[in-house]
C-alpha atoms as a PDB file:
ATOM      1  CA  MET A   1      12.641  27.803  30.979  1.00  0.00           C
ATOM      2  CA  PRO A   2      14.431  25.929  28.152  1.00  0.00           C
ATOM      3  CA  SER A   3      14.184  27.316  24.612  1.00  0.00           C
ATOM      4  CA  LYS A   4      12.812  25.399  21.623  1.00  0.00           C
ATOM      5  CA  VAL A   5      16.360  24.623  20.438  1.00  0.00           C
ATOM      6  CA  GLU A   6      17.402  23.292  23.858  1.00  0.00           C
ATOM      7  CA  LYS A   7      14.329  21.033  23.945  1.00  0.00           C
ATOM      8  CA  LEU A   8      15.068  19.792  20.414  1.00  0.00           C
ATOM      9  CA  LEU A   9      18.735  19.064  21.236  1.00  0.00           C
ATOM     10  CA  LYS A  10      17.780  17.180  24.396  1.00  0.00           C
ATOM     11  CA  LYS A  11      15.146  15.112  22.569  1.00  0.00           C
ATOM     12  CA  ARG A  12      17.462  14.168  19.647  1.00  0.00           C
ATOM     13  CA  PRO A  13      21.029  13.343  20.794  1.00  0.00           C
ATOM     14  CA  GLY A  14      22.690  13.374  17.311  1.00  0.00           C
ATOM     15  CA  LEU A  15      21.551  16.925  16.580  1.00  0.00           C
ATOM     16  CA  VAL A  16      24.095  19.796  16.509  1.00  0.00           C
ATOM     17  CA  GLN A  17      23.427  23.533  17.007  1.00  0.00           C
ATOM     18  CA  SER A  18      25.803  26.178  15.582  1.00  0.00           C
ATOM     19  CA  ASP A  19      25.258  29.914  15.952  1.00  0.00           C
ATOM     20  CA  ARG A  20      26.337  32.928  13.887  1.00  0.00           C
ATOM     21  CA  MET A  21      27.903  30.969  11.020  1.00  0.00           C
ATOM     22  CA  LYS A  22      28.682  33.089   7.935  1.00  0.00           C
ATOM     23  CA  VAL A  23      27.316  31.796   4.608  1.00  0.00           C
ATOM     24  CA  ALA A  24      29.936  31.779   1.827  1.00  0.00           C
ATOM     25  CA  SER A  25      27.538  30.584  -0.905  1.00  0.00           C
ATOM     26  CA  HIS A  26      23.875  29.660  -1.248  1.00  0.00           C
ATOM     27  CA  VAL A  27      22.587  27.619  -4.209  1.00  0.00           C
ATOM     28  CA  GLN A  28      18.955  26.646  -4.889  1.00  0.00           C
ATOM     29  CA  ARG A  29      17.913  23.999  -7.427  1.00  0.00           C
ATOM     30  CA  GLU A  30      14.743  22.116  -8.279  1.00  0.00           C
ATOM     31  CA  ALA A  31      14.395  18.435  -7.391  1.00  0.00           C
ATOM     32  CA  GLY A  32      10.893  17.321  -8.323  1.00  0.00           C
ATOM     33  CA  GLU A  33       8.378  19.350  -6.328  1.00  0.00           C
ATOM     34  CA  TRP A  34      11.043  20.555  -3.868  1.00  0.00           C
ATOM     35  CA  ILE A  35      13.712  23.261  -3.965  1.00  0.00           C
ATOM     36  CA  VAL A  36      17.003  21.892  -2.580  1.00  0.00           C
ATOM     37  CA  ASN A  37      19.123  24.549  -0.871  1.00  0.00           C
ATOM     38  CA  THR A  38      22.861  24.068  -0.378  1.00  0.00           C
ATOM     39  CA  LEU A  39      24.888  26.339   1.888  1.00  0.00           C
ATOM     40  CA  MET A  40      28.650  26.527   2.102  1.00  0.00           C
ATOM     41  CA  ILE A  41      29.795  28.009   5.396  1.00  0.00           C
ATOM     42  CA  VAL A  42      33.016  30.007   5.892  1.00  0.00           C
ATOM     43  CA  GLY A  43      35.640  27.736   7.486  1.00  0.00           C
ATOM     44  CA  GLN A  44      33.709  24.514   6.686  1.00  0.00           C
ATOM     45  CA  GLU A  45      34.380  22.091   3.825  1.00  0.00           C
ATOM     46  CA  VAL A  46      31.086  20.196   4.144  1.00  0.00           C
ATOM     47  CA  PRO A  47      27.861  21.470   2.479  1.00  0.00           C
ATOM     48  CA  PHE A  48      24.746  22.125   4.561  1.00  0.00           C
ATOM     49  CA  VAL A  49      21.607  20.908   2.732  1.00  0.00           C
ATOM     50  CA  TYR A  50      17.885  21.491   3.308  1.00  0.00           C
ATOM     51  CA  LYS A  51      14.657  21.411   1.261  1.00  0.00           C
ATOM     52  CA  ARG A  52      11.861  23.949   0.867  1.00  0.00           C
ATOM     53  CA  GLN A  53       8.593  24.005  -1.067  1.00  0.00           C
ATOM     54  CA  ARG A  54       9.555  27.235  -2.905  1.00  0.00           C
ATOM     55  CA  CYS A  55      12.560  29.472  -3.562  1.00  0.00           C
ATOM     56  CA  TYR A  56      13.936  31.483  -0.665  1.00  0.00           C
ATOM     57  CA  ARG A  57      15.913  34.704  -0.612  1.00  0.00           C
ATOM     58  CA  SER A  58      19.671  34.333  -0.943  1.00  0.00           C
ATOM     59  CA  LEU A  59      21.526  33.883   2.339  1.00  0.00           C
ATOM     60  CA  GLN A  60      24.969  34.579   0.861  1.00  0.00           C
ATOM     61  CA  GLY A  61      26.966  36.823   3.194  1.00  0.00           C
ATOM     62  CA  GLN A  62      24.423  36.444   6.034  1.00  0.00           C
ATOM     63  CA  GLN A  63      25.092  35.009   9.481  1.00  0.00           C
ATOM     64  CA  VAL A  64      22.792  32.107  10.338  1.00  0.00           C
ATOM     65  CA  ASN A  65      21.998  29.808  13.258  1.00  0.00           C
ATOM     66  CA  LEU A  66      21.814  26.173  12.102  1.00  0.00           C
ATOM     67  CA  THR A  67      20.504  23.011  13.719  1.00  0.00           C
ATOM     68  CA  TYR A  68      21.622  19.935  11.758  1.00  0.00           C
ATOM     69  CA  TYR A  69      22.537  16.239  11.609  1.00  0.00           C
ATOM     70  CA  PRO A  70      25.808  14.950  10.103  1.00  0.00           C
ATOM     71  CA  ALA A  71      24.975  12.549   7.223  1.00  0.00           C
ATOM     72  CA  THR A  72      26.377  11.044   4.018  1.00  0.00           C
ATOM     73  CA  ASP A  73      25.114  11.184   0.432  1.00  0.00           C
ATOM     74  CA  CYS A  74      26.025   8.619  -2.207  1.00  0.00           C
ATOM     75  CA  VAL A  75      26.550  10.027  -5.718  1.00  0.00           C
ATOM     76  CA  ALA A  76      27.694   7.660  -8.488  1.00  0.00           C
ATOM     77  CA  GLY A  77      28.899   5.174  -5.874  1.00  0.00           C
ATOM     78  CA  ILE A  78      31.001   7.752  -4.020  1.00  0.00           C
ATOM     79  CA  GLU A  79      30.006   8.793  -0.508  1.00  0.00           C
ATOM     80  CA  PHE A  80      30.103  12.492   0.438  1.00  0.00           C
ATOM     81  CA  GLU A  81      29.697  13.948   3.906  1.00  0.00           C
ATOM     82  CA  VAL A  82      26.853  16.492   4.215  1.00  0.00           C
ATOM     83  CA  MET A  83      25.004  18.226   7.003  1.00  0.00           C
ATOM     84  CA  ARG A  84      21.184  17.838   6.930  1.00  0.00           C
ATOM     85  CA  VAL A  85      19.694  21.096   8.215  1.00  0.00           C
ATOM     86  CA  VAL A  86      16.627  20.728  10.447  1.00  0.00           C
ATOM     87  CA  ARG A  87      16.264  24.371  11.446  1.00  0.00           C
ATOM     88  CA  ILE A  88      17.783  27.574  10.034  1.00  0.00           C
ATOM     89  CA  ARG A  89      17.397  31.128  11.305  1.00  0.00           C
ATOM     90  CA  VAL A  90      19.087  34.359  10.220  1.00  0.00           C
ATOM     91  CA  ALA A  91      21.174  35.551  13.188  1.00  0.00           C
END
């Protein structure tokens, strides 16, 4: 029987699943009513971004399983590559 992640990956072809990735840094900041979380992963140069309704415990140094989409953000006319996290679990 396929797991929830397998079903999600099959349903959405652009989605990527990565397991046991070590978090180098975890930053949380307010953006209106949301808390924007940014993760930097060991060995990756691109930030992983997701939103929550409230603050979350720090994931720095933890290993996590991430399901995400590659995307771009435009800041001051400059495009930056980011990864939009859909699902995150501590490994």
